[in-house]
């Protein structure tokens, strides 16, 4: 039976993948591992997501905050105005179904 990868090596593989976006074959060659061994990247990413999501990606606390986030994306030119209109429609439907209230912006 093979030895398990050490947590530090799993984290190094994952950070390498996130930093360079390299292929699994390239990362495997860099660390002298088998290509299938680099599948540990996905396990580590999942663990990081579970731990860090609640700390850094808090969901909007209400409809007004959700609208503020979407409109902020337009101001920063992250999305176009046509996408904003579609997003507004989706948000209004979301607010109506989840919060059962209407908001005015």
N, C-alpha and C. Protein backbone atom coordinates (compact mmCIF):
# COMPACT_ATOMS: atom_id res chain seq x y z
N UNK A 1 0.84 -1.17 0.00
CA UNK A 1 0.00 0.00 0.00
C UNK A 1 0.88 1.24 0.00
N UNK A 2 0.49 2.21 -0.81
CA UNK A 2 1.29 3.43 -0.90
C UNK A 2 1.02 4.36 0.27
N UNK A 3 2.02 5.17 0.58
CA UNK A 3 1.86 6.16 1.64
C UNK A 3 1.00 7.31 1.13
N UNK A 4 0.21 7.87 2.02
CA UNK A 4 -0.63 9.02 1.67
C UNK A 4 0.25 10.26 1.49
N UNK A 5 -0.23 11.17 0.64
CA UNK A 5 0.49 12.44 0.47
C UNK A 5 0.39 13.25 1.75
N UNK A 6 1.46 13.92 2.11
CA UNK A 6 1.44 14.78 3.29
C UNK A 6 0.59 16.02 2.99
N UNK A 7 -0.10 16.55 3.99
CA UNK A 7 -0.94 17.73 3.76
C UNK A 7 -0.18 18.91 3.17
N UNK A 8 1.07 19.09 3.58
CA UNK A 8 1.88 20.18 3.04
C UNK A 8 2.12 20.04 1.55
N UNK A 9 2.35 18.81 1.09
CA UNK A 9 2.55 18.56 -0.33
C UNK A 9 1.25 18.79 -1.10
N UNK A 10 0.12 18.36 -0.53
CA UNK A 10 -1.17 18.60 -1.18
C UNK A 10 -1.42 20.09 -1.35
N UNK A 11 -1.11 20.86 -0.30
CA UNK A 11 -1.29 22.30 -0.37
C UNK A 11 -0.35 22.92 -1.39
N UNK A 12 0.89 22.44 -1.45
CA UNK A 12 1.85 22.95 -2.43
C UNK A 12 1.38 22.68 -3.86
N UNK A 13 0.86 21.48 -4.11
CA UNK A 13 0.34 21.15 -5.43
C UNK A 13 -0.82 22.08 -5.81
N UNK A 14 -1.70 22.31 -4.86
CA UNK A 14 -2.88 23.14 -5.11
C UNK A 14 -2.47 24.59 -5.37
N UNK A 15 -1.59 25.12 -4.54
CA UNK A 15 -1.15 26.51 -4.73
C UNK A 15 -0.39 26.67 -6.05
N UNK A 16 0.39 25.67 -6.41
CA UNK A 16 1.10 25.68 -7.69
C UNK A 16 0.09 25.73 -8.84
N UNK A 17 -0.93 24.91 -8.74
CA UNK A 17 -1.97 24.87 -9.77
C UNK A 17 -2.70 26.21 -9.86
N UNK A 18 -3.05 26.79 -8.71
CA UNK A 18 -3.77 28.06 -8.70
C UNK A 18 -2.90 29.21 -9.19
N UNK A 19 -1.61 29.18 -8.85
CA UNK A 19 -0.72 30.27 -9.24
C UNK A 19 -0.39 30.25 -10.72
N UNK A 20 -0.12 29.09 -11.27
CA UNK A 20 0.31 29.00 -12.66
C UNK A 20 -0.76 28.50 -13.61
N UNK A 21 -1.75 27.80 -13.08
CA UNK A 21 -2.76 27.23 -13.95
C UNK A 21 -2.20 26.12 -14.82
N UNK A 22 -1.13 25.53 -14.37
CA UNK A 22 -0.46 24.49 -15.15
C UNK A 22 -1.28 23.21 -15.24
N UNK A 23 -0.95 22.41 -16.22
CA UNK A 23 -1.65 21.13 -16.38
C UNK A 23 -1.22 20.17 -15.26
N UNK A 24 -2.03 19.17 -15.05
CA UNK A 24 -1.70 18.18 -14.04
C UNK A 24 -0.42 17.43 -14.41
N UNK A 25 -0.21 17.21 -15.70
CA UNK A 25 1.01 16.51 -16.13
C UNK A 25 2.25 17.34 -15.80
N UNK A 26 2.17 18.65 -16.04
CA UNK A 26 3.32 19.52 -15.76
C UNK A 26 3.60 19.59 -14.26
N UNK A 27 2.56 19.70 -13.46
CA UNK A 27 2.74 19.76 -12.02
C UNK A 27 3.27 18.42 -11.50
N UNK A 28 2.76 17.33 -12.03
CA UNK A 28 3.25 16.00 -11.63
C UNK A 28 4.73 15.86 -11.94
N UNK A 29 5.15 16.32 -13.12
CA UNK A 29 6.57 16.23 -13.49
C UNK A 29 7.43 17.10 -12.57
N UNK A 30 6.91 18.28 -12.23
CA UNK A 30 7.66 19.20 -11.37
C UNK A 30 7.93 18.59 -9.99
N UNK A 31 6.94 17.88 -9.45
CA UNK A 31 7.07 17.28 -8.12
C UNK A 31 7.46 15.81 -8.15
N UNK A 32 7.71 15.29 -9.35
CA UNK A 32 8.07 13.89 -9.55
C UNK A 32 7.02 12.93 -8.97
N UNK A 33 5.79 13.19 -9.38
CA UNK A 33 4.66 12.37 -8.95
C UNK A 33 3.97 11.82 -10.19
N UNK A 34 3.12 10.85 -9.99
CA UNK A 34 2.30 10.36 -11.09
C UNK A 34 1.21 11.38 -11.39
N UNK A 35 0.77 11.41 -12.64
CA UNK A 35 -0.25 12.38 -13.04
C UNK A 35 -1.54 12.20 -12.25
N UNK A 36 -1.92 10.96 -12.01
CA UNK A 36 -3.16 10.72 -11.27
C UNK A 36 -3.05 11.17 -9.81
N UNK A 37 -1.84 11.26 -9.30
CA UNK A 37 -1.63 11.71 -7.92
C UNK A 37 -2.03 13.17 -7.76
N UNK A 38 -1.92 13.94 -8.83
CA UNK A 38 -2.27 15.36 -8.75
C UNK A 38 -3.77 15.58 -8.63
N UNK A 39 -4.56 14.51 -8.69
CA UNK A 39 -6.00 14.64 -8.45
C UNK A 39 -6.26 15.11 -7.02
N UNK A 40 -5.27 15.02 -6.16
CA UNK A 40 -5.39 15.52 -4.78
C UNK A 40 -5.66 17.02 -4.77
N UNK A 41 -5.34 17.69 -5.87
CA UNK A 41 -5.61 19.13 -5.97
C UNK A 41 -7.10 19.39 -5.73
N UNK A 42 -7.96 18.57 -6.30
CA UNK A 42 -9.40 18.79 -6.18
C UNK A 42 -9.88 18.60 -4.75
N UNK A 43 -9.31 17.62 -4.06
CA UNK A 43 -9.68 17.40 -2.65
C UNK A 43 -9.28 18.60 -1.81
N UNK A 44 -8.09 19.13 -2.07
CA UNK A 44 -7.60 20.28 -1.31
C UNK A 44 -8.41 21.52 -1.62
N UNK A 45 -8.75 21.73 -2.90
CA UNK A 45 -9.59 22.88 -3.26
C UNK A 45 -10.94 22.80 -2.58
N UNK A 46 -11.51 21.62 -2.52
CA UNK A 46 -12.80 21.44 -1.86
C UNK A 46 -12.69 21.76 -0.38
N UNK A 47 -11.63 21.30 0.27
CA UNK A 47 -11.43 21.58 1.69
C UNK A 47 -11.25 23.07 1.93
N UNK A 48 -10.47 23.73 1.07
CA UNK A 48 -10.27 25.17 1.20
C UNK A 48 -11.58 25.92 1.03
N UNK A 49 -12.39 25.49 0.06
CA UNK A 49 -13.68 26.13 -0.18
C UNK A 49 -14.57 26.01 1.06
N UNK A 50 -14.63 24.82 1.64
CA UNK A 50 -15.49 24.61 2.81
C UNK A 50 -15.07 25.51 3.97
N UNK A 51 -13.77 25.63 4.19
CA UNK A 51 -13.27 26.41 5.32
C UNK A 51 -13.38 27.91 5.06
N UNK A 52 -13.02 28.36 3.87
CA UNK A 52 -12.92 29.80 3.61
C UNK A 52 -14.19 30.45 3.11
N UNK A 53 -15.14 29.67 2.62
CA UNK A 53 -16.35 30.24 2.04
C UNK A 53 -17.10 31.12 3.03
N UNK A 54 -17.34 30.62 4.21
CA UNK A 54 -18.13 31.38 5.19
C UNK A 54 -17.38 32.61 5.70
N UNK A 55 -16.05 32.59 5.61
CA UNK A 55 -15.27 33.73 6.08
C UNK A 55 -15.20 34.86 5.05
N UNK A 56 -15.08 34.51 3.77
CA UNK A 56 -14.81 35.51 2.75
C UNK A 56 -15.91 35.70 1.71
N UNK A 57 -16.88 34.80 1.65
CA UNK A 57 -17.96 34.92 0.69
C UNK A 57 -19.30 34.85 1.39
N UNK A 58 -19.58 35.85 2.17
CA UNK A 58 -20.84 35.87 2.89
C UNK A 58 -21.97 36.20 1.91
N UNK A 59 -23.08 35.51 2.00
CA UNK A 59 -24.20 35.82 1.11
C UNK A 59 -24.81 37.16 1.49
N UNK A 60 -25.44 37.84 0.55
CA UNK A 60 -26.09 39.11 0.87
C UNK A 60 -27.13 38.91 1.98
N UNK A 61 -27.20 39.89 2.88
CA UNK A 61 -28.11 39.76 4.02
C UNK A 61 -29.55 40.06 3.67
N UNK A 62 -29.77 40.66 2.52
CA UNK A 62 -31.14 40.98 2.13
C UNK A 62 -31.18 41.45 0.69
N UNK A 63 -32.37 41.79 0.21
CA UNK A 63 -32.53 42.18 -1.19
C UNK A 63 -31.76 43.45 -1.56
N UNK A 64 -31.74 44.43 -0.66
CA UNK A 64 -31.06 45.69 -0.97
C UNK A 64 -29.55 45.46 -1.15
N UNK A 65 -28.97 44.63 -0.31
CA UNK A 65 -27.54 44.34 -0.42
C UNK A 65 -27.23 43.57 -1.71
N UNK A 66 -28.12 42.69 -2.09
CA UNK A 66 -27.96 41.95 -3.34
C UNK A 66 -27.97 42.89 -4.54
N UNK A 67 -28.87 43.84 -4.54
CA UNK A 67 -28.95 44.82 -5.63
C UNK A 67 -27.68 45.69 -5.65
N UNK A 68 -27.19 46.04 -4.50
CA UNK A 68 -25.98 46.86 -4.40
C UNK A 68 -24.78 46.13 -5.02
N UNK A 69 -24.67 44.84 -4.79
CA UNK A 69 -23.58 44.04 -5.36
C UNK A 69 -23.65 44.04 -6.88
N UNK A 70 -24.85 43.79 -7.42
CA UNK A 70 -25.01 43.73 -8.88
C UNK A 70 -24.72 45.08 -9.52
N UNK A 71 -25.23 46.15 -8.96
CA UNK A 71 -24.99 47.48 -9.52
C UNK A 71 -23.51 47.88 -9.39
N UNK A 72 -22.84 47.40 -8.35
CA UNK A 72 -21.41 47.66 -8.19
C UNK A 72 -20.59 47.02 -9.30
N UNK A 73 -21.05 45.87 -9.79
CA UNK A 73 -20.35 45.21 -10.89
C UNK A 73 -20.42 46.05 -12.17
N UNK A 74 -21.54 46.73 -12.39
CA UNK A 74 -21.69 47.57 -13.59
C UNK A 74 -20.80 48.79 -13.48
N UNK A 75 -20.77 49.40 -12.30
CA UNK A 75 -19.94 50.59 -12.10
C UNK A 75 -18.47 50.26 -12.34
N UNK A 76 -18.05 49.11 -11.91
CA UNK A 76 -16.65 48.68 -12.09
C UNK A 76 -16.41 48.05 -13.45
N UNK A 77 -17.41 48.12 -14.34
CA UNK A 77 -17.33 47.62 -15.72
C UNK A 77 -17.03 46.12 -15.79
N UNK A 78 -17.52 45.37 -14.80
CA UNK A 78 -17.33 43.92 -14.81
C UNK A 78 -18.39 43.24 -15.67
N UNK A 79 -19.57 43.86 -15.76
CA UNK A 79 -20.63 43.31 -16.60
C UNK A 79 -21.27 44.44 -17.39
N UNK A 80 -21.87 44.14 -18.52
CA UNK A 80 -22.49 45.16 -19.36
C UNK A 80 -23.89 45.51 -18.85
N UNK A 81 -24.45 46.61 -19.37
CA UNK A 81 -25.77 47.06 -18.94
C UNK A 81 -26.86 46.06 -19.33
N UNK A 82 -26.71 45.39 -20.47
CA UNK A 82 -27.73 44.40 -20.86
C UNK A 82 -27.74 43.23 -19.88
N UNK A 83 -26.57 42.86 -19.39
CA UNK A 83 -26.50 41.80 -18.39
C UNK A 83 -27.12 42.30 -17.08
N UNK A 84 -26.94 43.59 -16.80
CA UNK A 84 -27.52 44.16 -15.59
C UNK A 84 -29.04 44.06 -15.62
N UNK A 85 -29.65 44.35 -16.76
CA UNK A 85 -31.10 44.26 -16.87
C UNK A 85 -31.58 42.84 -16.61
N UNK A 86 -30.87 41.88 -17.17
CA UNK A 86 -31.22 40.48 -16.94
C UNK A 86 -31.01 40.11 -15.47
N UNK A 87 -29.91 40.59 -14.91
CA UNK A 87 -29.63 40.31 -13.50
C UNK A 87 -30.70 40.93 -12.61
N UNK A 88 -31.15 42.15 -12.93
CA UNK A 88 -32.21 42.78 -12.16
C UNK A 88 -33.47 41.93 -12.17
N UNK A 89 -33.82 41.43 -13.33
CA UNK A 89 -35.01 40.60 -13.44
C UNK A 89 -34.88 39.34 -12.59
N UNK A 90 -33.74 38.70 -12.67
CA UNK A 90 -33.51 37.49 -11.88
C UNK A 90 -33.55 37.80 -10.39
N UNK A 91 -32.95 38.93 -10.01
CA UNK A 91 -32.93 39.31 -8.60
C UNK A 91 -34.33 39.58 -8.09
N UNK A 92 -35.12 40.29 -8.89
CA UNK A 92 -36.49 40.57 -8.46
C UNK A 92 -37.29 39.28 -8.27
N UNK A 93 -37.09 38.33 -9.18
CA UNK A 93 -37.77 37.04 -9.03
C UNK A 93 -37.27 36.33 -7.78
N UNK A 94 -35.96 36.37 -7.56
CA UNK A 94 -35.36 35.76 -6.38
C UNK A 94 -35.92 36.38 -5.10
N UNK A 95 -35.97 37.71 -5.07
CA UNK A 95 -36.45 38.42 -3.88
C UNK A 95 -37.90 38.07 -3.62
N UNK A 96 -38.70 38.06 -4.68
CA UNK A 96 -40.11 37.77 -4.51
C UNK A 96 -40.33 36.36 -3.97
N UNK A 97 -39.57 35.40 -4.49
CA UNK A 97 -39.76 34.01 -4.07
C UNK A 97 -39.17 33.74 -2.69
N UNK A 98 -38.01 34.30 -2.40
CA UNK A 98 -37.33 34.00 -1.14
C UNK A 98 -37.81 34.90 0.00
N UNK A 99 -37.82 36.21 -0.25
CA UNK A 99 -38.13 37.14 0.82
C UNK A 99 -39.60 37.55 0.85
N UNK A 100 -40.35 37.19 -0.21
CA UNK A 100 -41.77 37.54 -0.31
C UNK A 100 -42.04 39.02 -0.13
N UNK A 101 -41.21 39.84 -0.74
CA UNK A 101 -41.47 41.27 -0.69
C UNK A 101 -40.91 41.95 -1.94
N UNK A 102 -41.38 43.15 -2.16
CA UNK A 102 -40.96 43.94 -3.32
C UNK A 102 -40.02 45.03 -2.81
N UNK A 103 -38.97 45.33 -3.60
CA UNK A 103 -38.07 46.42 -3.24
C UNK A 103 -38.09 47.45 -4.36
N UNK A 104 -37.75 48.63 -3.99
CA UNK A 104 -37.69 49.73 -4.96
C UNK A 104 -36.30 50.31 -4.93
N UNK A 105 -35.72 50.47 -6.10
CA UNK A 105 -34.34 50.97 -6.17
C UNK A 105 -34.36 52.34 -6.79
